[in-house]
Protein backbone atom coordinates (compact mmCIF):
# COMPACT_ATOMS: atom_id res chain seq x y z
CA MET A 1 39.89 51.62 -56.10
CA LEU A 2 42.88 49.90 -54.47
CA THR A 3 42.62 47.72 -51.38
CA ARG A 4 45.33 45.68 -49.64
CA LYS A 5 44.83 42.87 -47.15
CA ALA A 6 46.47 39.75 -45.78
CA PHE A 7 46.54 36.53 -47.78
CA GLY A 8 47.94 34.04 -45.27
CA ASP A 9 51.48 35.21 -44.58
CA PHE A 10 51.45 37.38 -47.69
CA GLU A 11 49.60 40.43 -48.99
CA ILE A 12 47.03 40.57 -51.75
CA ALA A 13 46.26 43.85 -53.53
CA THR A 14 42.97 44.35 -55.37
CA LEU A 15 42.33 47.05 -57.94
CA SER A 16 38.80 47.53 -59.24
CA THR A 17 36.91 49.75 -61.65
CA ASP A 18 33.23 49.86 -62.55
CA LYS A 19 33.55 46.85 -64.89
CA ALA A 20 36.82 45.04 -64.05
CA SER A 21 39.03 43.97 -61.17
CA ILE A 22 42.39 42.27 -60.57
CA SER A 23 43.99 40.79 -57.47
CA VAL A 24 47.74 40.16 -57.13
CA VAL A 25 49.57 38.33 -54.35
CA ASP A 26 53.03 39.69 -53.59
CA TYR A 27 54.36 36.12 -53.32
CA GLY A 28 55.57 35.58 -56.88
CA ALA A 29 53.66 38.71 -58.01
CA ASN A 30 51.02 36.13 -58.88
CA LEU A 31 47.85 37.40 -60.55
CA ASN A 32 45.18 35.54 -58.59
CA ASP A 33 42.07 36.80 -60.35
CA PHE A 34 40.88 38.88 -63.27
CA ALA A 35 37.16 39.63 -63.50
CA PHE A 36 35.52 41.53 -66.33
CA ASN A 37 31.83 42.45 -66.48
CA GLY A 38 31.17 40.11 -63.61
CA PHE A 39 32.88 36.99 -64.99
CA GLN A 40 36.09 35.52 -63.57
CA TYR A 41 38.56 34.63 -66.35
CA ILE A 42 41.48 33.49 -64.14
CA VAL A 43 41.41 30.38 -61.97
CA GLY A 44 43.33 31.52 -58.90
CA HIS A 45 44.77 29.96 -55.76
CA SER A 46 42.24 29.19 -53.05
CA SER A 47 44.70 29.88 -50.23
CA ALA A 48 48.22 30.96 -49.44
CA ALA A 49 49.09 27.34 -48.65
CA ASP A 50 47.94 26.31 -52.11
CA LEU A 51 50.06 29.07 -53.66
CA VAL A 52 53.19 28.00 -51.79
CA ALA A 53 52.69 24.32 -52.60
CA ALA A 54 52.18 24.82 -56.35
CA PRO A 55 52.79 28.43 -57.50
CA SER A 56 52.40 27.64 -61.20
CA ARG A 57 49.30 25.42 -60.95
CA ALA A 58 46.83 28.31 -60.66
CA GLY A 59 46.70 32.08 -61.03
CA CYS A 60 49.40 33.61 -63.20
CA ALA A 61 53.01 32.97 -62.20
CA VAL A 62 55.89 35.11 -63.50
CA LEU A 63 58.64 33.06 -65.18
CA MET A 64 62.12 34.65 -65.00
CA PRO A 65 64.98 34.50 -65.94
CA PHE A 66 63.97 31.42 -67.93
CA ALA A 67 60.54 30.22 -68.90
CA ASN A 68 59.80 26.52 -69.20
CA ARG A 69 62.54 23.87 -68.96
CA ILE A 70 66.31 23.50 -69.08
CA ALA A 71 67.16 19.91 -69.92
CA GLY A 72 68.97 18.18 -67.08
CA GLY A 73 69.29 21.55 -65.35
CA VAL A 74 72.55 22.05 -67.28
CA TYR A 75 73.54 24.72 -69.80
CA ALA A 76 76.71 26.28 -71.17
CA PHE A 77 77.22 30.02 -71.55
CA GLU A 78 80.33 31.84 -72.74
CA GLY A 79 82.54 28.81 -72.25
CA LYS A 80 81.30 27.88 -68.79
CA VAL A 81 78.94 25.09 -67.74
CA TYR A 82 76.27 25.88 -65.17
CA ARG A 83 74.09 23.46 -63.20
CA LEU A 84 70.69 24.09 -61.66
CA PRO A 85 68.61 21.99 -59.27
CA HIS A 86 65.85 19.78 -60.71
CA ASN A 87 62.33 20.93 -59.83
CA ASP A 88 60.18 19.57 -62.69
CA HIS A 89 57.79 17.25 -60.85
CA GLY A 90 60.08 14.23 -61.02
CA ARG A 91 61.65 15.00 -64.40
CA PRO A 92 65.39 15.81 -64.55
CA ASN A 93 64.88 19.45 -65.54
CA ALA A 94 65.09 22.95 -64.11
CA LEU A 95 61.71 24.64 -64.51
CA HIS A 96 60.38 28.23 -64.71
CA GLY A 97 63.16 30.29 -63.17
CA PHE A 98 63.51 31.63 -59.64
CA LEU A 99 60.89 34.31 -59.04
CA ARG A 100 57.72 32.26 -58.47
CA GLU A 101 58.63 31.67 -54.82
CA VAL A 102 59.87 35.06 -53.64
CA ARG A 103 58.03 38.13 -52.35
CA TRP A 104 57.91 41.02 -54.79
CA ARG A 105 57.56 44.68 -53.85
CA LEU A 106 54.49 46.68 -54.84
CA LEU A 107 55.86 49.91 -56.19
CA ALA A 108 54.63 53.15 -54.66
CA LYS A 109 52.38 55.44 -56.62
CA ASP A 110 53.98 58.06 -58.81
CA PRO A 111 51.77 61.21 -58.90
CA ALA A 112 52.90 61.89 -62.47
CA ASP A 113 51.85 58.43 -63.65
CA GLN A 114 48.35 58.58 -65.09
CA LYS A 115 48.01 54.78 -64.95
CA GLU A 116 48.25 54.48 -61.18
CA GLU A 117 44.51 54.19 -60.65
CA ARG A 118 44.30 51.23 -63.02
CA ALA A 119 47.64 49.39 -62.66
CA LEU A 120 49.55 47.33 -60.10
CA ARG A 121 53.32 47.26 -60.64
CA TYR A 122 55.71 44.96 -58.81
CA ALA A 123 59.50 44.80 -58.77
CA TYR A 124 62.19 42.38 -57.60
CA GLU A 125 65.97 42.67 -57.36
CA PHE A 126 67.59 39.33 -58.11
CA PRO A 127 71.15 39.05 -56.75
CA GLY A 128 72.18 35.91 -58.63
CA VAL A 129 72.48 32.35 -57.34
CA LYS A 130 74.68 29.34 -57.86
CA GLY A 131 74.01 28.04 -61.33
CA TYR A 132 72.84 31.49 -62.47
CA PRO A 133 75.24 34.15 -61.13
CA PHE A 134 73.68 37.05 -63.08
CA PRO A 135 71.94 39.84 -61.14
CA PHE A 136 68.98 41.63 -62.72
CA HIS A 137 66.06 43.96 -61.99
CA ALA A 138 62.62 42.54 -62.80
CA GLU A 139 59.23 44.24 -63.07
CA VAL A 140 55.72 43.09 -63.87
CA GLU A 141 52.73 45.36 -64.35
CA TYR A 142 49.05 44.39 -64.44
CA GLU A 143 47.05 47.20 -65.99
CA LEU A 144 43.30 47.44 -66.47
CA ILE A 145 42.69 48.78 -69.98
CA PRO A 146 39.28 49.71 -71.45
CA ASP A 147 38.84 46.34 -73.17
CA GLY A 148 40.46 44.08 -70.60
CA LEU A 149 43.90 43.53 -69.06
CA ARG A 150 47.50 44.25 -70.11
CA VAL A 151 50.37 42.25 -68.62
CA SER A 152 53.83 43.80 -69.11
CA LEU A 153 57.18 42.23 -68.25
CA SER A 154 60.66 43.75 -68.16
CA LEU A 155 64.06 42.40 -67.11
CA LYS A 156 67.18 44.55 -66.97
CA ASN A 157 70.75 43.29 -66.60
CA SER A 158 72.09 45.00 -63.48
CA GLY A 159 75.38 43.08 -63.47
CA VAL A 160 78.71 43.60 -65.20
CA THR A 161 78.68 40.62 -67.55
CA PRO A 162 76.29 39.44 -70.28
CA MET A 163 73.45 37.15 -69.21
CA PRO A 164 71.13 34.63 -70.97
CA VAL A 165 67.40 35.32 -70.63
CA THR A 166 63.96 34.10 -71.56
CA MET A 167 60.77 35.09 -69.75
CA GLY A 168 57.02 34.66 -69.74
CA THR A 169 53.95 34.09 -67.58
CA HIS A 170 51.82 31.07 -66.69
CA PRO A 171 48.14 32.22 -66.63
CA PHE A 172 45.32 29.70 -66.16
CA PHE A 173 42.33 30.92 -68.16
CA ARG A 174 38.75 29.81 -68.21
CA VAL A 175 35.56 30.58 -70.10
CA ASP A 176 32.11 29.20 -69.33
CA GLY A 177 31.08 25.57 -69.61
CA PRO A 178 33.22 22.42 -69.49
CA LEU A 179 36.71 22.55 -71.00
CA SER A 180 35.79 19.91 -73.59
CA ASP A 181 33.36 22.42 -75.16
CA TRP A 182 35.89 25.23 -75.42
CA ASN A 183 37.38 26.25 -78.75
CA LEU A 184 41.03 27.21 -79.12
CA SER A 185 42.20 29.29 -82.07
CA LEU A 186 45.90 29.74 -82.75
CA ARG A 187 47.75 30.65 -85.95
CA SER A 188 50.50 28.08 -85.54
CA LYS A 189 53.77 28.29 -87.44
CA GLY A 190 54.87 24.92 -86.07
CA LYS A 191 54.71 22.60 -83.09
CA LEU A 192 57.96 21.66 -81.33
CA VAL A 193 58.16 17.89 -81.06
CA ARG A 194 59.17 16.87 -77.51
CA ASP A 195 60.67 13.83 -75.88
CA GLU A 196 59.48 11.96 -72.77
CA ASN A 197 60.93 14.71 -70.54
CA LEU A 198 59.07 17.44 -72.48
CA ILE A 199 62.29 18.71 -74.08
CA PRO A 200 62.17 19.70 -77.78
CA THR A 201 63.94 17.22 -80.06
CA GLY A 202 64.67 19.78 -82.76
CA GLU A 203 61.90 18.51 -85.03
CA ILE A 204 59.02 20.85 -85.90
CA THR A 205 55.69 19.68 -87.29
CA GLN A 206 52.90 21.74 -88.86
CA GLU A 207 50.32 20.64 -86.33
CA ASP A 208 47.72 23.27 -85.51
CA PRO A 209 45.89 22.97 -82.17
CA SER A 210 42.97 25.13 -83.32
CA GLY A 211 39.53 23.66 -82.82
CA LYS A 212 37.36 22.20 -80.12
CA LEU A 213 39.39 20.97 -77.16
CA ASP A 214 37.26 17.86 -76.53
CA GLU A 215 39.42 15.49 -74.46
CA LYS A 216 42.77 16.70 -75.81
CA VAL A 217 45.71 17.01 -73.44
CA TYR A 218 48.47 19.54 -74.06
CA ASP A 219 51.83 20.38 -72.62
CA ASP A 220 53.31 21.62 -75.88
CA CYS A 221 55.08 24.64 -77.32
CA PHE A 222 54.09 26.31 -80.57
CA SER A 223 55.70 28.99 -82.66
CA PHE A 224 52.89 31.30 -83.69
CA GLU A 225 51.83 34.70 -84.98
CA GLY A 226 48.85 36.91 -84.34
CA SER A 227 46.43 36.46 -81.47
CA ILE A 228 45.12 33.44 -79.57
CA THR A 229 41.45 32.97 -78.72
CA LEU A 230 39.62 30.76 -76.28
CA SER A 231 35.85 30.66 -76.56
CA ASN A 232 32.58 28.99 -75.81
CA SER A 233 29.53 31.21 -75.22
CA ARG A 234 32.10 33.63 -73.77
CA GLY A 235 35.41 34.41 -75.38
CA LEU A 236 38.90 35.54 -74.48
CA ARG A 237 41.52 36.86 -76.89
CA ILE A 238 45.22 37.02 -75.99
CA GLU A 239 47.22 39.51 -78.07
CA PRO A 240 50.97 39.08 -77.45
CA HIS A 241 53.65 41.61 -78.37
CA GLY A 242 57.23 40.36 -78.15
CA PHE A 243 56.31 36.74 -77.43
CA PRO A 244 57.05 34.50 -80.45
CA TYR A 245 56.21 31.25 -78.63
CA VAL A 246 53.32 29.97 -76.56
CA GLN A 247 53.14 26.95 -74.28
CA ILE A 248 49.69 25.33 -74.10
CA TYR A 249 48.99 23.26 -70.98
CA THR A 250 45.67 21.68 -70.02
CA HIS A 251 45.24 21.52 -66.28
CA PRO A 252 44.78 17.95 -64.94
CA ASP A 253 41.45 18.90 -63.30
CA ARG A 254 40.10 20.00 -66.74
CA LYS A 255 38.76 23.27 -65.30
CA SER A 256 41.26 25.62 -66.93
CA ILE A 257 43.94 25.85 -69.59
CA ALA A 258 47.30 27.62 -69.35
CA ILE A 259 48.10 29.76 -72.37
CA GLU A 260 51.66 30.86 -71.64
CA PRO A 261 53.21 33.59 -73.82
CA VAL A 262 57.01 33.14 -73.64
CA THR A 263 59.97 34.81 -75.35
CA GLY A 264 61.83 31.53 -75.86
CA ALA A 265 61.15 27.84 -76.43
CA PRO A 266 61.72 25.11 -73.82
CA ASN A 267 65.45 24.43 -73.33
CA ALA A 268 66.30 27.73 -75.04
CA PHE A 269 69.46 27.97 -72.90
CA ASN A 270 70.76 24.98 -74.89
CA ASN A 271 68.98 25.10 -78.26
CA GLY A 272 69.02 28.91 -78.62
CA MET A 273 65.37 29.14 -79.79
CA GLY A 274 64.33 32.61 -78.65
CA LEU A 275 67.27 33.03 -76.29
CA LYS A 276 68.24 36.65 -75.57
CA VAL A 277 71.67 37.70 -74.32
CA LEU A 278 71.56 41.00 -72.44
CA LYS A 279 74.67 43.07 -72.04
CA PRO A 280 75.13 45.06 -68.82
CA GLY A 281 72.41 47.72 -68.62
CA GLU A 282 70.31 46.20 -71.44
CA GLU A 283 66.64 45.42 -70.91
CA LEU A 284 64.19 42.91 -72.37
CA SER A 285 60.50 43.85 -72.33
CA ALA A 286 57.29 42.41 -73.75
CA TYR A 287 53.57 42.54 -73.04
CA TYR A 288 50.26 40.95 -73.95
CA ASP A 289 46.63 42.02 -73.76
CA VAL A 290 43.78 39.84 -72.51
CA ILE A 291 40.52 40.92 -74.15
CA PRO A 292 37.18 39.35 -73.17
CA PHE A 293 34.61 39.30 -75.97
CA GLN A 294 31.22 37.91 -76.90
CA PRO A 295 31.60 35.33 -79.72
CA ARG A 296 29.50 35.95 -82.80
CA THR A 297 26.73 33.46 -83.44
CA GLY A 298 25.85 34.63 -86.93
CA GLY A 299 25.81 37.56 -89.31
CA THR A 300 28.70 39.05 -91.23
CA ARG A 301 32.10 37.67 -90.34
CA THR A 302 34.42 39.93 -88.36
CA GLY A 303 36.63 41.90 -90.69
CA ALA A 304 34.44 41.31 -93.76
CA ILE A 305 33.99 44.34 -96.02
CA PRO A 306 30.60 44.17 -97.76
CA PHE A 307 30.49 45.43 -101.36
CA PRO A 308 28.23 46.68 -102.70
CA PRO A 309 27.31 47.96 -99.23
CA LEU A 310 23.58 47.35 -99.43
CA LEU A 311 23.74 43.79 -100.73
CA TRP A 312 24.75 42.27 -97.37
CA SER A 313 21.80 41.94 -95.04
CA ASN A 314 20.30 39.52 -92.62
CA SER A 315 16.77 40.48 -93.71
CA LEU A 316 16.01 38.55 -96.86
CA CYS A 317 12.61 40.16 -97.16
CA PHE A 318 14.31 43.44 -98.14
CA PHE A 319 16.69 41.81 -100.62
CA PRO A 320 14.98 43.19 -103.79
CA LEU A 321 15.16 46.74 -102.39
CA TYR A 322 18.80 46.31 -101.44
CA PHE A 323 19.63 44.74 -104.79
CA PHE A 324 18.18 47.49 -106.95
CA SER A 325 19.51 50.22 -104.68
CA SER A 326 22.98 48.72 -104.94
CA LEU A 327 22.62 48.42 -108.70
CA LEU A 328 21.91 52.13 -108.96
CA LEU A 329 24.88 52.94 -106.70
CA CYS A 330 27.19 50.90 -108.89
CA PHE A 331 25.62 52.08 -112.15
CA PRO A 332 28.01 54.99 -112.93
CA PHE A 333 31.05 52.72 -112.61
CA PHE A 334 30.03 49.78 -114.75
CA PHE A 335 27.69 50.91 -117.52
CA HIS A 336 27.92 53.40 -120.37
CA ARG A 337 24.57 52.88 -122.06
CA PHE A 338 21.09 51.64 -121.28
CA GLN A 339 17.78 51.16 -123.04
CA LEU A 340 14.49 52.67 -122.06
CA THR A 341 11.04 51.69 -123.37
CA SER A 342 7.51 52.94 -122.97
CA ARG A 343 4.98 50.17 -122.70
CA LYS A 344 1.80 52.09 -123.55
CA PRO A 345 1.73 55.45 -125.34
CA LYS A 346 -0.82 57.82 -123.85
CA ALA A 347 -3.37 59.77 -125.88
CA ALA A 348 -2.18 62.96 -124.28
CA ILE A 349 1.04 62.66 -126.24
CA SER A 350 0.59 64.08 -129.72
CA GLN A 351 0.82 61.47 -132.44
CA GLY A 352 3.06 61.63 -135.47
CA SER A 353 2.69 60.24 -138.95
CA ASP A 354 2.99 56.53 -139.71
CA ARG A 355 6.29 57.25 -141.37
CA SER A 356 7.75 57.96 -137.93
CA ARG A 357 7.51 54.25 -137.19
CA HIS A 358 10.33 53.58 -139.61
CA ASP A 359 12.31 56.77 -139.40
CA SER A 360 15.43 57.07 -137.35
CA ILE A 361 16.88 60.30 -136.08
CA LYS A 362 20.59 60.60 -135.34
CA LEU A 363 21.71 63.21 -132.84
CA SER A 364 25.43 63.75 -132.42
CA ASN A 365 27.24 65.84 -129.84
CA GLN A 366 27.96 68.46 -132.45
CA HIS A 367 24.24 68.97 -133.14
CA ARG A 368 23.06 69.02 -129.56
CA PRO A 369 24.99 69.50 -126.32
CA HIS A 370 25.45 66.26 -124.43
CA SER A 371 24.08 67.67 -121.19
CA GLU A 372 20.88 68.63 -123.04
CA SER A 373 20.53 65.38 -124.95
CA VAL A 374 20.85 63.33 -121.80
CA ASP A 375 19.68 65.44 -118.88
CA GLN A 376 17.04 67.60 -120.57
CA ILE A 377 15.71 65.42 -123.38
CA LEU A 378 15.51 62.12 -121.52
CA GLY A 379 15.61 63.64 -118.07
CA ILE A 380 17.10 60.58 -116.39
CA ALA A 381 20.88 60.95 -116.26
CA PRO A 382 22.20 61.46 -112.71
CA ALA A 383 23.36 64.98 -112.00
CA GLY A 384 27.08 65.46 -112.36
CA HIS A 385 27.63 62.37 -114.54
CA THR A 386 28.30 63.61 -118.08
CA GLY A 387 29.93 60.46 -119.44
CA PHE A 388 26.68 58.75 -120.46
CA PHE A 389 25.53 58.28 -124.05
CA LEU A 390 22.10 56.67 -124.13
CA ARG A 391 20.05 54.81 -126.71
CA ALA A 392 16.31 55.22 -126.19
CA GLU A 393 13.84 52.87 -127.93
CA ILE A 394 10.46 54.55 -128.43
CA SER A 395 7.11 52.84 -128.93
CA PRO A 396 6.09 52.82 -132.66
CA ALA A 397 3.31 55.37 -132.23
CA LEU A 398 5.56 58.01 -130.70
CA PRO A 399 7.01 60.69 -133.01
CA PRO A 400 10.54 62.05 -132.56
CA ARG A 401 9.27 65.07 -130.63
CA ALA A 402 7.96 62.73 -127.96
CA LEU A 403 11.55 62.37 -126.78
CA ALA A 404 10.92 65.23 -124.35
CA PRO A 405 8.60 63.70 -121.72
CA HIS A 406 5.18 65.30 -121.79
CA PRO A 407 3.88 66.30 -118.34
CA SER A 408 0.84 64.08 -118.82
CA ALA A 409 2.81 61.11 -120.08
CA ALA A 410 2.40 58.60 -117.29
CA ALA A 411 3.52 55.55 -119.22
CA PRO A 412 5.50 53.25 -116.95
CA LEU A 413 9.20 53.09 -117.77
CA GLU A 414 11.51 50.15 -117.17
CA TRP A 415 15.13 49.22 -117.81
CA ARG A 416 15.21 46.63 -120.58
CA ARG A 417 18.87 45.99 -121.43
CA LEU A 418 22.27 47.41 -120.55
CA ILE A 419 24.38 47.60 -123.72
CA PRO A 420 27.61 49.58 -124.45
CA LEU A 421 27.04 52.55 -126.75
CA SER A 422 29.34 54.08 -129.31
CA LEU A 423 29.04 57.67 -130.46
CA PRO A 424 27.04 59.40 -131.85
CA LEU A 425 23.89 59.14 -129.73
CA GLU A 426 21.18 57.33 -131.66
CA VAL A 427 17.44 57.51 -131.10
CA LEU A 428 15.82 54.71 -133.09
CA ASN A 429 12.19 53.82 -133.78
CA PRO A 430 11.65 50.07 -133.73
CA GLU A 431 9.63 48.10 -136.22
CA PRO A 432 5.84 48.06 -135.77
CA GLY A 433 4.74 45.65 -133.05
CA ALA A 434 8.07 45.66 -131.28
CA ASN A 435 7.89 45.77 -127.48
């Protein structure tokens, strides 16, 4: 369901489903909240005045046509030097582009678009300004997906000359509990060392920010791959596509952390790290998913593949059952011969002469079909498995004809040893007293 209402001098649109909701202010197309299953994962602006005063200190600001900083507000492009005003909280830098402080247009519904009931899409036509005379068309879409939220960005060169571009967003996320208890997980490929003005020096270290946040303070850029997770008793996973860098920033009030997927590093207009040059008519697009999840507190690790299947269990009391069941499942793959004994011969089984204690009878495949010697004589080979050749050890009192189990023979049977067998099949009588 979509509702629209005033937010100070601006408009806020709210889209909700049975388990999720988003609210976006048209000023900066700023995502002001994202709730999923009743929990608010975005720390938004409390008022329109707060949004105007500090658009990238809460919610989720859109950063175009450059994300992060340009050192000194100066860059060179195609032989020309351009200068931008400084707006970096007292530092001599240009920061976060031009679209945080303009009103975007909520695009009308398209009847053919099946996403309209779960997405808010905003657009802005940038005409170019002094210091950046490159017009472009920008769009941002916030879409409720089954597992969470998808944020999509696109920027198209609508001018007649090439233009330099980076882009990103500035979302302030939270999970439950104090920030010092939160855990950050990031597969870092390197941290960009910065100077006192937060500009990369060109040096890259292998520092990994993963772990408990404790009292750590970040305003740092990392090259990374894969997803990023933030968790305590609740969790949040950010899955970027087309964003090779992320800026991590801990809010001064320690109530949220900005995890900013960006297409380029700070000062990319000068150092070229992630910088894109769009020709007239070309478009840059990227997106990321925000997936709430419940962290695991025990059990099998995510992604683990148990083998054999029945050996992994949280119930140790059933371990013997699982163990022997798994052994039987794996039996056809690992063993070619096994030994079977009878502990106590029963009187119901006819007795042979004493000489049978020392005799041995050799049965080869040519004398008796394998399927008969295994399946019918011993009656234990699994159906369909004809690659077994077995050696059976019979109690001394049993004659050779006792190989075929007598209906009244209730002697308990057990596996004694698992030994490779070479042809032909041998049925041996052990020495007297053997067991």
